[in-house]
PDB file of N, CA and C in Angstrom:
ATOM      1  N   MET A   1     267.041 165.281 228.105  1.00  0.00           N
ATOM      2  CA  MET A   1     265.899 166.039 228.580  1.00  0.00           C
ATOM      3  C   MET A   1     266.236 166.748 229.891  1.00  0.00           C
ATOM      4  N   GLU A   2     266.918 166.057 230.791  1.00  0.00           N
ATOM      5  CA  GLU A   2     267.249 166.671 232.078  1.00  0.00           C
ATOM      6  C   GLU A   2     268.105 167.917 231.890  1.00  0.00           C
ATOM      7  N   GLN A   3     269.050 167.865 230.965  1.00  0.00           N
ATOM      8  CA  GLN A   3     269.910 169.012 230.724  1.00  0.00           C
ATOM      9  C   GLN A   3     269.118 170.176 230.134  1.00  0.00           C
ATOM     10  N   ALA A   4     268.163 169.879 229.272  1.00  0.00           N
ATOM     11  CA  ALA A   4     267.347 170.933 228.674  1.00  0.00           C
ATOM     12  C   ALA A   4     266.500 171.630 229.730  1.00  0.00           C
ATOM     13  N   VAL A   5     265.923 170.866 230.645  1.00  0.00           N
ATOM     14  CA  VAL A   5     265.113 171.459 231.717  1.00  0.00           C
ATOM     15  C   VAL A   5     266.002 172.278 232.645  1.00  0.00           C
ATOM     16  N   ALA A   6     267.171 171.752 232.987  1.00  0.00           N
ATOM     17  CA  ALA A   6     268.091 172.486 233.856  1.00  0.00           C
ATOM     18  C   ALA A   6     268.512 173.803 233.196  1.00  0.00           C
ATOM     19  N   MET A   7     268.783 173.768 231.908  1.00  0.00           N
ATOM     20  CA  MET A   7     269.172 174.976 231.185  1.00  0.00           C
ATOM     21  C   MET A   7     268.027 175.986 231.158  1.00  0.00           C
ATOM     22  N   ALA A   8     266.813 175.504 230.925  1.00  0.00           N
ATOM     23  CA  ALA A   8     265.649 176.392 230.899  1.00  0.00           C
ATOM     24  C   ALA A   8     265.448 177.054 232.260  1.00  0.00           C
ATOM     25  N   LEU A   9     265.624 176.287 233.330  1.00  0.00           N
ATOM     26  CA  LEU A   9     265.491 176.852 234.679  1.00  0.00           C
ATOM     27  C   LEU A   9     266.589 177.871 234.944  1.00  0.00           C
ATOM     28  N   ALA A  10     267.818 177.542 234.550  1.00  0.00           N
ATOM     29  CA  ALA A  10     268.942 178.453 234.781  1.00  0.00           C
ATOM     30  C   ALA A  10     268.788 179.756 234.004  1.00  0.00           C
ATOM     31  N   CYS A  11     268.169 179.670 232.830  1.00  0.00           N
ATOM     32  CA  CYS A  11     267.976 180.871 232.000  1.00  0.00           C
ATOM     33  C   CYS A  11     266.750 181.680 232.409  1.00  0.00           C
ATOM     34  N   GLY A  12     265.986 181.162 233.361  1.00  0.00           N
ATOM     35  CA  GLY A  12     264.819 181.896 233.835  1.00  0.00           C
ATOM     36  C   GLY A  12     263.588 181.743 232.976  1.00  0.00           C
ATOM     37  N   LEU A  13     263.529 180.676 232.171  1.00  0.00           N
ATOM     38  CA  LEU A  13     262.367 180.447 231.323  1.00  0.00           C
ATOM     39  C   LEU A  13     261.101 180.361 232.174  1.00  0.00           C
ATOM     40  N   GLN A  14     260.056 180.990 231.728  1.00  0.00           N
ATOM     41  CA  GLN A  14     258.779 180.997 232.443  1.00  0.00           C
ATOM     42  C   GLN A  14     257.762 180.210 231.647  1.00  0.00           C
ATOM     43  N   PRO A  15     256.814 179.584 232.227  1.00  0.00           N
ATOM     44  CA  PRO A  15     256.598 179.398 233.654  1.00  0.00           C
ATOM     45  C   PRO A  15     257.530 178.331 234.225  1.00  0.00           C
ATOM     46  N   ARG A  16     257.981 178.540 235.422  1.00  0.00           N
ATOM     47  CA  ARG A  16     258.945 177.655 236.069  1.00  0.00           C
ATOM     48  C   ARG A  16     258.290 176.447 236.732  1.00  0.00           C
ATOM     49  N   ARG A  17     257.073 176.601 237.209  1.00  0.00           N
ATOM     50  CA  ARG A  17     256.425 175.527 237.971  1.00  0.00           C
ATOM     51  C   ARG A  17     256.401 174.189 237.225  1.00  0.00           C
ATOM     52  N   PRO A  18     255.959 174.129 235.960  1.00  0.00           N
ATOM     53  CA  PRO A  18     255.965 172.828 235.280  1.00  0.00           C
ATOM     54  C   PRO A  18     257.374 172.254 235.119  1.00  0.00           C
ATOM     55  N   LEU A  19     258.351 173.122 234.893  1.00  0.00           N
ATOM     56  CA  LEU A  19     259.728 172.644 234.773  1.00  0.00           C
ATOM     57  C   LEU A  19     260.219 172.053 236.089  1.00  0.00           C
ATOM     58  N   LEU A  20     259.913 172.753 237.180  1.00  0.00           N
ATOM     59  CA  LEU A  20     260.318 172.248 238.498  1.00  0.00           C
ATOM     60  C   LEU A  20     259.573 170.960 238.849  1.00  0.00           C
ATOM     61  N   ARG A  21     258.303 170.890 238.523  1.00  0.00           N
ATOM     62  CA  ARG A  21     257.525 169.673 238.800  1.00  0.00           C
ATOM     63  C   ARG A  21     258.111 168.492 238.042  1.00  0.00           C
ATOM     64  N   TRP A  22     258.463 168.722 236.785  1.00  0.00           N
ATOM     65  CA  TRP A  22     259.058 167.649 235.992  1.00  0.00           C
ATOM     66  C   TRP A  22     260.372 167.220 236.616  1.00  0.00           C
ATOM     67  N   CYS A  23     261.201 168.187 236.951  1.00  0.00           N
ATOM     68  CA  CYS A  23     262.534 167.907 237.484  1.00  0.00           C
ATOM     69  C   CYS A  23     262.471 167.181 238.823  1.00  0.00           C
ATOM     70  N   LEU A  24     261.565 167.590 239.696  1.00  0.00           N
ATOM     71  CA  LEU A  24     261.505 167.042 241.053  1.00  0.00           C
ATOM     72  C   LEU A  24     260.608 165.822 241.201  1.00  0.00           C
ATOM     73  N   CYS A  25     259.678 165.623 240.282  1.00  0.00           N
ATOM     74  CA  CYS A  25     258.692 164.564 240.509  1.00  0.00           C
ATOM     75  C   CYS A  25     258.360 163.760 239.263  1.00  0.00           C
ATOM     76  N   TRP A  26     257.883 164.413 238.221  1.00  0.00           N
ATOM     77  CA  TRP A  26     257.299 163.713 237.082  1.00  0.00           C
ATOM     78  C   TRP A  26     258.279 162.842 236.319  1.00  0.00           C
ATOM     79  N   ARG A  27     259.565 163.252 236.231  1.00  0.00           N
ATOM     80  CA  ARG A  27     260.500 162.510 235.388  1.00  0.00           C
ATOM     81  C   ARG A  27     260.743 161.096 235.888  1.00  0.00           C
ATOM     82  N   ARG A  28     260.470 160.841 237.146  1.00  0.00           N
ATOM     83  CA  ARG A  28     260.693 159.513 237.714  1.00  0.00           C
ATOM     84  C   ARG A  28     259.465 158.605 237.622  1.00  0.00           C
ATOM     85  N   LEU A  29     258.336 159.155 237.239  1.00  0.00           N
ATOM     86  CA  LEU A  29     257.112 158.364 237.181  1.00  0.00           C
ATOM     87  C   LEU A  29     257.120 157.395 236.007  1.00  0.00           C
ATOM     88  N   GLN A  30     256.626 156.215 236.256  1.00  0.00           N
ATOM     89  CA  GLN A  30     256.524 155.192 235.226  1.00  0.00           C
ATOM     90  C   GLN A  30     255.058 154.826 235.048  1.00  0.00           C
ATOM     91  N   PRO A  31     254.666 154.461 233.835  1.00  0.00           N
ATOM     92  CA  PRO A  31     253.292 153.994 233.653  1.00  0.00           C
ATOM     93  C   PRO A  31     253.081 152.711 234.455  1.00  0.00           C
ATOM     94  N   ARG A  32     251.831 152.429 234.806  1.00  0.00           N
ATOM     95  CA  ARG A  32     251.565 151.235 235.623  1.00  0.00           C
ATOM     96  C   ARG A  32     251.776 149.946 234.844  1.00  0.00           C
ATOM     97  N   GLN A  33     251.856 150.038 233.522  1.00  0.00           N
ATOM     98  CA  GLN A  33     252.158 148.878 232.682  1.00  0.00           C
ATOM     99  C   GLN A  33     253.315 149.227 231.761  1.00  0.00           C
ATOM    100  N   SER A  34     254.204 148.277 231.545  1.00  0.00           N
ATOM    101  CA  SER A  34     255.340 148.496 230.656  1.00  0.00           C
ATOM    102  C   SER A  34     254.927 148.228 229.212  1.00  0.00           C
ATOM    103  N   ALA A  35     255.798 148.594 228.285  1.00  0.00           N
ATOM    104  CA  ALA A  35     255.551 148.317 226.871  1.00  0.00           C
ATOM    105  C   ALA A  35     255.411 146.816 226.642  1.00  0.00           C
ATOM    106  N   GLN A  36     256.245 146.035 227.316  1.00  0.00           N
ATOM    107  CA  GLN A  36     256.183 144.584 227.159  1.00  0.00           C
ATOM    108  C   GLN A  36     254.842 144.036 227.634  1.00  0.00           C
ATOM    109  N   GLN A  37     254.331 144.580 228.726  1.00  0.00           N
ATOM    110  CA  GLN A  37     253.035 144.124 229.234  1.00  0.00           C
ATOM    111  C   GLN A  37     251.910 144.497 228.265  1.00  0.00           C
ATOM    112  N   LEU A  38     251.988 145.694 227.704  1.00  0.00           N
ATOM    113  CA  LEU A  38     250.967 146.108 226.748  1.00  0.00           C
ATOM    114  C   LEU A  38     251.014 145.243 225.486  1.00  0.00           C
ATOM    115  N   LEU A  39     252.217 144.954 225.012  1.00  0.00           N
ATOM    116  CA  LEU A  39     252.347 144.090 223.839  1.00  0.00           C
ATOM    117  C   LEU A  39     251.775 142.703 224.122  1.00  0.00           C
ATOM    118  N   ALA A  40     252.065 142.176 225.320  1.00  0.00           N
ATOM    119  CA  ALA A  40     251.543 140.860 225.696  1.00  0.00           C
ATOM    120  C   ALA A  40     250.020 140.881 225.792  1.00  0.00           C
ATOM    121  N   ALA A  41     249.453 142.048 226.111  1.00  0.00           N
ATOM    122  CA  ALA A  41     248.000 142.177 226.216  1.00  0.00           C
ATOM    123  C   ALA A  41     247.348 142.398 224.858  1.00  0.00           C
ATOM    124  N   GLY A  42     248.158 142.466 223.790  1.00  0.00           N
ATOM    125  CA  GLY A  42     247.591 142.582 222.457  1.00  0.00           C
ATOM    126  C   GLY A  42     247.637 143.958 221.832  1.00  0.00           C
ATOM    127  N   VAL A  43     248.250 144.934 222.493  1.00  0.00           N
ATOM    128  CA  VAL A  43     248.377 146.264 221.890  1.00  0.00           C
ATOM    129  C   VAL A  43     249.419 146.168 220.780  1.00  0.00           C
ATOM    130  N   PRO A  44     249.102 146.623 219.568  1.00  0.00           N
ATOM    131  CA  PRO A  44     250.070 146.530 218.476  1.00  0.00           C
ATOM    132  C   PRO A  44     251.238 147.502 218.674  1.00  0.00           C
ATOM    133  N   SER A  45     252.433 147.073 218.274  1.00  0.00           N
ATOM    134  CA  SER A  45     253.587 147.960 218.380  1.00  0.00           C
ATOM    135  C   SER A  45     253.431 149.106 217.385  1.00  0.00           C
ATOM    136  N   GLY A  46     254.129 150.176 217.638  1.00  0.00           N
ATOM    137  CA  GLY A  46     254.052 151.347 216.769  1.00  0.00           C
ATOM    138  C   GLY A  46     253.331 152.489 217.456  1.00  0.00           C
ATOM    139  N   PRO A  47     252.670 153.329 216.674  1.00  0.00           N
ATOM    140  CA  PRO A  47     252.027 154.526 217.236  1.00  0.00           C
ATOM    141  C   PRO A  47     250.999 154.214 218.324  1.00  0.00           C
ATOM    142  N   GLU A  48     250.260 153.118 218.179  1.00  0.00           N
ATOM    143  CA  GLU A  48     249.245 152.788 219.188  1.00  0.00           C
ATOM    144  C   GLU A  48     249.903 152.471 220.533  1.00  0.00           C
ATOM    145  N   LEU A  49     250.997 151.757 220.506  1.00  0.00           N
ATOM    146  CA  LEU A  49     251.724 151.444 221.742  1.00  0.00           C
ATOM    147  C   LEU A  49     252.203 152.736 222.405  1.00  0.00           C
ATOM    148  N   GLY A  50     252.736 153.642 221.598  1.00  0.00           N
ATOM    149  CA  GLY A  50     253.183 154.931 222.138  1.00  0.00           C
ATOM    150  C   GLY A  50     252.048 155.722 222.749  1.00  0.00           C
ATOM    151  N   ARG A  51     250.888 155.731 222.093  1.00  0.00           N
ATOM    152  CA  ARG A  51     249.716 156.443 222.643  1.00  0.00           C
ATOM    153  C   ARG A  51     249.299 155.849 223.981  1.00  0.00           C
ATOM    154  N   GLN A  52     249.281 154.526 224.046  1.00  0.00           N
ATOM    155  CA  GLN A  52     248.883 153.855 225.296  1.00  0.00           C
ATOM    156  C   GLN A  52     249.863 154.193 226.424  1.00  0.00           C
ATOM    157  N   LEU A  53     251.163 154.137 226.142  1.00  0.00           N
ATOM    158  CA  LEU A  53     252.168 154.444 227.168  1.00  0.00           C
ATOM    159  C   LEU A  53     252.060 155.894 227.639  1.00  0.00           C
ATOM    160  N   ARG A  54     251.864 156.837 226.699  1.00  0.00           N
ATOM    161  CA  ARG A  54     251.703 158.241 227.093  1.00  0.00           C
ATOM    162  C   ARG A  54     250.464 158.437 227.948  1.00  0.00           C
ATOM    163  N   ALA A  55     249.368 157.780 227.577  1.00  0.00           N
ATOM    164  CA  ALA A  55     248.127 157.900 228.360  1.00  0.00           C
ATOM    165  C   ALA A  55     248.325 157.351 229.766  1.00  0.00           C
ATOM    166  N   LEU A  56     249.018 156.234 229.888  1.00  0.00           N
ATOM    167  CA  LEU A  56     249.270 155.655 231.209  1.00  0.00           C
ATOM    168  C   LEU A  56     250.187 156.551 232.048  1.00  0.00           C
ATOM    169  N   ARG A  57     251.167 157.169 231.408  1.00  0.00           N
ATOM    170  CA  ARG A  57     252.073 158.058 232.141  1.00  0.00           C
ATOM    171  C   ARG A  57     251.322 159.307 232.596  1.00  0.00           C
ATOM    172  N   ILE A  58     250.451 159.837 231.760  1.00  0.00           N
ATOM    173  CA  ILE A  58     249.636 160.989 232.146  1.00  0.00           C
ATOM    174  C   ILE A  58     248.750 160.633 233.328  1.00  0.00           C
ATOM    175  N   GLU A  59     248.174 159.443 233.323  1.00  0.00           N
ATOM    176  CA  GLU A  59     247.383 158.983 234.472  1.00  0.00           C
ATOM    177  C   GLU A  59     248.222 158.967 235.741  1.00  0.00           C
ATOM    178  N   ALA A  60     249.453 158.479 235.643  1.00  0.00           N
ATOM    179  CA  ALA A  60     250.335 158.433 236.816  1.00  0.00           C
ATOM    180  C   ALA A  60     250.633 159.843 237.323  1.00  0.00           C
ATOM    181  N   ILE A  61     250.895 160.771 236.414  1.00  0.00           N
ATOM    182  CA  ILE A  61     251.165 162.157 236.810  1.00  0.00           C
ATOM    183  C   ILE A  61     249.939 162.774 237.466  1.00  0.00           C
ATOM    184  N   GLU A  62     248.759 162.557 236.883  1.00  0.00           N
ATOM    185  CA  GLU A  62     247.536 163.120 237.456  1.00  0.00           C
ATOM    186  C   GLU A  62     247.257 162.536 238.831  1.00  0.00           C
ATOM    187  N   ALA A  63     247.529 161.254 239.024  1.00  0.00           N
ATOM    188  CA  ALA A  63     247.322 160.634 240.342  1.00  0.00           C
ATOM    189  C   ALA A  63     248.229 161.266 241.383  1.00  0.00           C
ATOM    190  N   VAL A  64     249.480 161.519 241.027  1.00  0.00           N
ATOM    191  CA  VAL A  64     250.419 162.159 241.960  1.00  0.00           C
ATOM    192  C   VAL A  64     249.975 163.583 242.255  1.00  0.00           C
ATOM    193  N   GLU A  65     249.557 164.308 241.231  1.00  0.00           N
ATOM    194  CA  GLU A  65     249.145 165.692 241.419  1.00  0.00           C
ATOM    195  C   GLU A  65     247.893 165.801 242.293  1.00  0.00           C
ATOM    196  N   GLN A  66     247.009 164.826 242.236  1.00  0.00           N
ATOM    197  CA  GLN A  66     245.813 164.849 243.079  1.00  0.00           C
ATOM    198  C   GLN A  66     246.147 164.552 244.533  1.00  0.00           C
ATOM    199  N   ARG A  67     247.203 163.778 244.759  1.00  0.00           N
ATOM    200  CA  ARG A  67     247.598 163.412 246.126  1.00  0.00           C
ATOM    201  C   ARG A  67     248.428 164.473 246.808  1.00  0.00           C
ATOM    202  N   THR A  68     249.153 165.283 246.040  1.00  0.00           N
ATOM    203  CA  THR A  68     250.076 166.236 246.636  1.00  0.00           C
ATOM    204  C   THR A  68     249.512 167.642 246.579  1.00  0.00           C
ATOM    205  N   PRO A  69     249.848 168.456 247.568  1.00  0.00           N
ATOM    206  CA  PRO A  69     249.406 169.856 247.532  1.00  0.00           C
ATOM    207  C   PRO A  69     250.100 170.585 246.392  1.00  0.00           C
ATOM    208  N   ASP A  70     249.562 171.730 246.029  1.00  0.00           N
ATOM    209  CA  ASP A  70     250.096 172.514 244.918  1.00  0.00           C
ATOM    210  C   ASP A  70     251.314 173.322 245.348  1.00  0.00           C
ATOM    211  N   THR A  71     252.285 172.624 245.911  1.00  0.00           N
ATOM    212  CA  THR A  71     253.526 173.273 246.299  1.00  0.00           C
ATOM    213  C   THR A  71     254.684 172.445 245.788  1.00  0.00           C
ATOM    214  N   ILE A  72     255.792 173.097 245.659  1.00  0.00           N
ATOM    215  CA  ILE A  72     257.013 172.418 245.233  1.00  0.00           C
ATOM    216  C   ILE A  72     257.852 172.191 246.478  1.00  0.00           C
ATOM    217  N   PRO A  73     258.353 170.955 246.674  1.00  0.00           N
ATOM    218  CA  PRO A  73     259.139 170.682 247.865  1.00  0.00           C
ATOM    219  C   PRO A  73     260.315 171.643 247.969  1.00  0.00           C
ATOM    220  N   ALA A  74     260.510 172.156 249.172  1.00  0.00           N
ATOM    221  CA  ALA A  74     261.623 173.074 249.390  1.00  0.00           C
ATOM    222  C   ALA A  74     262.926 172.297 249.435  1.00  0.00           C
ATOM    223  N   SER A  75     263.934 172.860 248.841  1.00  0.00           N
ATOM    224  CA  SER A  75     265.237 172.218 248.901  1.00  0.00           C
ATOM    225  C   SER A  75     265.975 172.795 250.091  1.00  0.00           C
ATOM    226  N   ARG A  76     267.005 172.098 250.512  1.00  0.00           N
ATOM    227  CA  ARG A  76     267.800 172.586 251.626  1.00  0.00           C
ATOM    228  C   ARG A  76     268.557 173.834 251.210  1.00  0.00           C
ATOM    229  N   PRO A  77     268.606 174.831 252.080  1.00  0.00           N
ATOM    230  CA  PRO A  77     269.370 176.019 251.722  1.00  0.00           C
ATOM    231  C   PRO A  77     270.862 175.699 251.695  1.00  0.00           C
ATOM    232  N   GLN A  78     271.553 176.256 250.756  1.00  0.00           N
ATOM    233  CA  GLN A  78     272.998 176.063 250.674  1.00  0.00           C
ATOM    234  C   GLN A  78     273.662 177.304 251.219  1.00  0.00           C
ATOM    235  N   HIS A  79     274.463 177.117 252.228  1.00  0.00           N
ATOM    236  CA  HIS A  79     275.141 178.247 252.879  1.00  0.00           C
ATOM    237  C   HIS A  79     276.494 178.477 252.223  1.00  0.00           C
ATOM    238  N   LEU A  80     276.824 179.723 252.067  1.00  0.00           N
ATOM    239  CA  LEU A  80     278.129 180.056 251.516  1.00  0.00           C
ATOM    240  C   LEU A  80     279.164 180.007 252.628  1.00  0.00           C
ATOM    241  N   SER A  81     280.311 179.478 252.342  1.00  0.00           N
ATOM    242  CA  SER A  81     281.376 179.379 253.352  1.00  0.00           C
ATOM    243  C   SER A  81     282.235 180.610 253.334  1.00  0.00           C
TER     244      SER A  81
END
């Protein structure tokens, strides 16, 4: 996935903002509960487990987006030698 996003950014795919957000922030987010915790809580394995994990990850992304301003962190400029 990381290579696909990097390739899309390098090729100039639009819109860039969601790609950059994923690359810089969202890809590291984890749901507040793991699959093992959900299974222990009685969620059946299979499609329902996947739905629960996706919903929890979306919640984590929305929480981060509400806390942060609508800007992408600036990277350090690279100077040519």
